[in-house]
Amino acid sequence: MTDRDPFAEGERAAREDIPAEANPYRDGSDEHALWAAGHEKVAGAIEARQSEGS
């Protein structure tokens, strides 16, 4: 059995340019918060790299 990792799913979504609004978990749930945190971690790093290059 494989357990889903919402944080890793959020990181993957950000790398695939999926918007944060596409969070598949119920708003207010722990999974929603973990997914959002993973997404923000990667999206923030991508945004920082892009702004350094401009």
C-alpha atoms as a PDB file:
ATOM      1  CA  MET A   1       0.000   0.000   0.000  1.00  0.00           C
ATOM      2  CA  THR A   2       1.335   3.434  -0.886  1.00  0.00           C
ATOM      3  CA  ASP A   3       0.491   6.390   1.305  1.00  0.00           C
ATOM      4  CA  ARG A   4      -0.144   9.669  -0.441  1.00  0.00           C
ATOM      5  CA  ASP A   5       2.189  12.496   0.514  1.00  0.00           C
ATOM      6  CA  PRO A   6       0.292  15.777   0.100  1.00  0.00           C
ATOM      7  CA  PHE A   7       3.463  17.858   0.616  1.00  0.00           C
ATOM      8  CA  ALA A   8       5.284  16.007  -2.187  1.00  0.00           C
ATOM      9  CA  GLU A   9       2.180  16.223  -4.395  1.00  0.00           C
ATOM     10  CA  GLY A  10       2.111  19.997  -3.893  1.00  0.00           C
ATOM     11  CA  GLU A  11       5.815  20.248  -4.773  1.00  0.00           C
ATOM     12  CA  ARG A  12       5.234  18.201  -7.933  1.00  0.00           C
ATOM     13  CA  ALA A  13       2.229  20.334  -8.900  1.00  0.00           C
ATOM     14  CA  ALA A  14       4.296  23.531  -8.630  1.00  0.00           C
ATOM     15  CA  ARG A  15       7.051  22.015 -10.792  1.00  0.00           C
ATOM     16  CA  GLU A  16       4.402  21.103 -13.375  1.00  0.00           C
ATOM     17  CA  ASP A  17       3.082  24.699 -13.315  1.00  0.00           C
ATOM     18  CA  ILE A  18      -0.236  23.676 -11.772  1.00  0.00           C
ATOM     19  CA  PRO A  19      -1.742  26.654  -9.910  1.00  0.00           C
ATOM     20  CA  ALA A  20      -2.163  26.601  -6.131  1.00  0.00           C
ATOM     21  CA  GLU A  21      -5.921  26.934  -6.626  1.00  0.00           C
ATOM     22  CA  ALA A  22      -5.911  23.373  -8.003  1.00  0.00           C
ATOM     23  CA  ASN A  23      -5.259  21.940  -4.531  1.00  0.00           C
ATOM     24  CA  PRO A  24      -7.279  18.690  -4.586  1.00  0.00           C
ATOM     25  CA  TYR A  25      -7.777  18.462  -0.829  1.00  0.00           C
ATOM     26  CA  ARG A  26     -10.681  19.799   1.234  1.00  0.00           C
ATOM     27  CA  ASP A  27     -10.045  23.357   2.393  1.00  0.00           C
ATOM     28  CA  GLY A  28      -9.172  23.387   6.083  1.00  0.00           C
ATOM     29  CA  SER A  29      -7.840  19.823   6.140  1.00  0.00           C
ATOM     30  CA  ASP A  30      -4.299  18.907   7.170  1.00  0.00           C
ATOM     31  CA  GLU A  31      -3.721  17.505   3.690  1.00  0.00           C
ATOM     32  CA  HIS A  32      -4.787  20.814   2.116  1.00  0.00           C
ATOM     33  CA  ALA A  33      -2.289  22.689   4.288  1.00  0.00           C
ATOM     34  CA  LEU A  34       0.519  20.229   3.512  1.00  0.00           C
ATOM     35  CA  TRP A  35      -0.173  20.367  -0.234  1.00  0.00           C
ATOM     36  CA  ALA A  36      -0.203  24.179  -0.127  1.00  0.00           C
ATOM     37  CA  ALA A  37       3.070  24.252   1.835  1.00  0.00           C
ATOM     38  CA  GLY A  38       4.781  21.966  -0.674  1.00  0.00           C
ATOM     39  CA  HIS A  39       3.463  24.021  -3.573  1.00  0.00           C
ATOM     40  CA  GLU A  40       4.622  27.289  -2.005  1.00  0.00           C
ATOM     41  CA  LYS A  41       8.090  25.893  -1.264  1.00  0.00           C
ATOM     42  CA  VAL A  42       8.710  25.025  -4.913  1.00  0.00           C
ATOM     43  CA  ALA A  43       6.784  27.942  -6.439  1.00  0.00           C
ATOM     44  CA  GLY A  44       8.677  30.396  -4.230  1.00  0.00           C
ATOM     45  CA  ALA A  45      12.025  28.931  -5.258  1.00  0.00           C
ATOM     46  CA  ILE A  46      11.078  29.047  -8.950  1.00  0.00           C
ATOM     47  CA  GLU A  47       9.893  32.654  -8.613  1.00  0.00           C
ATOM     48  CA  ALA A  48      13.120  33.653  -6.829  1.00  0.00           C
ATOM     49  CA  ARG A  49      15.228  32.102  -9.582  1.00  0.00           C
ATOM     50  CA  GLN A  50      13.213  33.891 -12.267  1.00  0.00           C
ATOM     51  CA  SER A  51      13.542  37.272 -10.553  1.00  0.00           C
ATOM     52  CA  GLU A  52      17.317  36.803 -10.193  1.00  0.00           C
ATOM     53  CA  GLY A  53      17.536  36.263 -13.939  1.00  0.00           C
ATOM     54  CA  SER A  54      15.683  39.463 -14.848  1.00  0.00           C
END
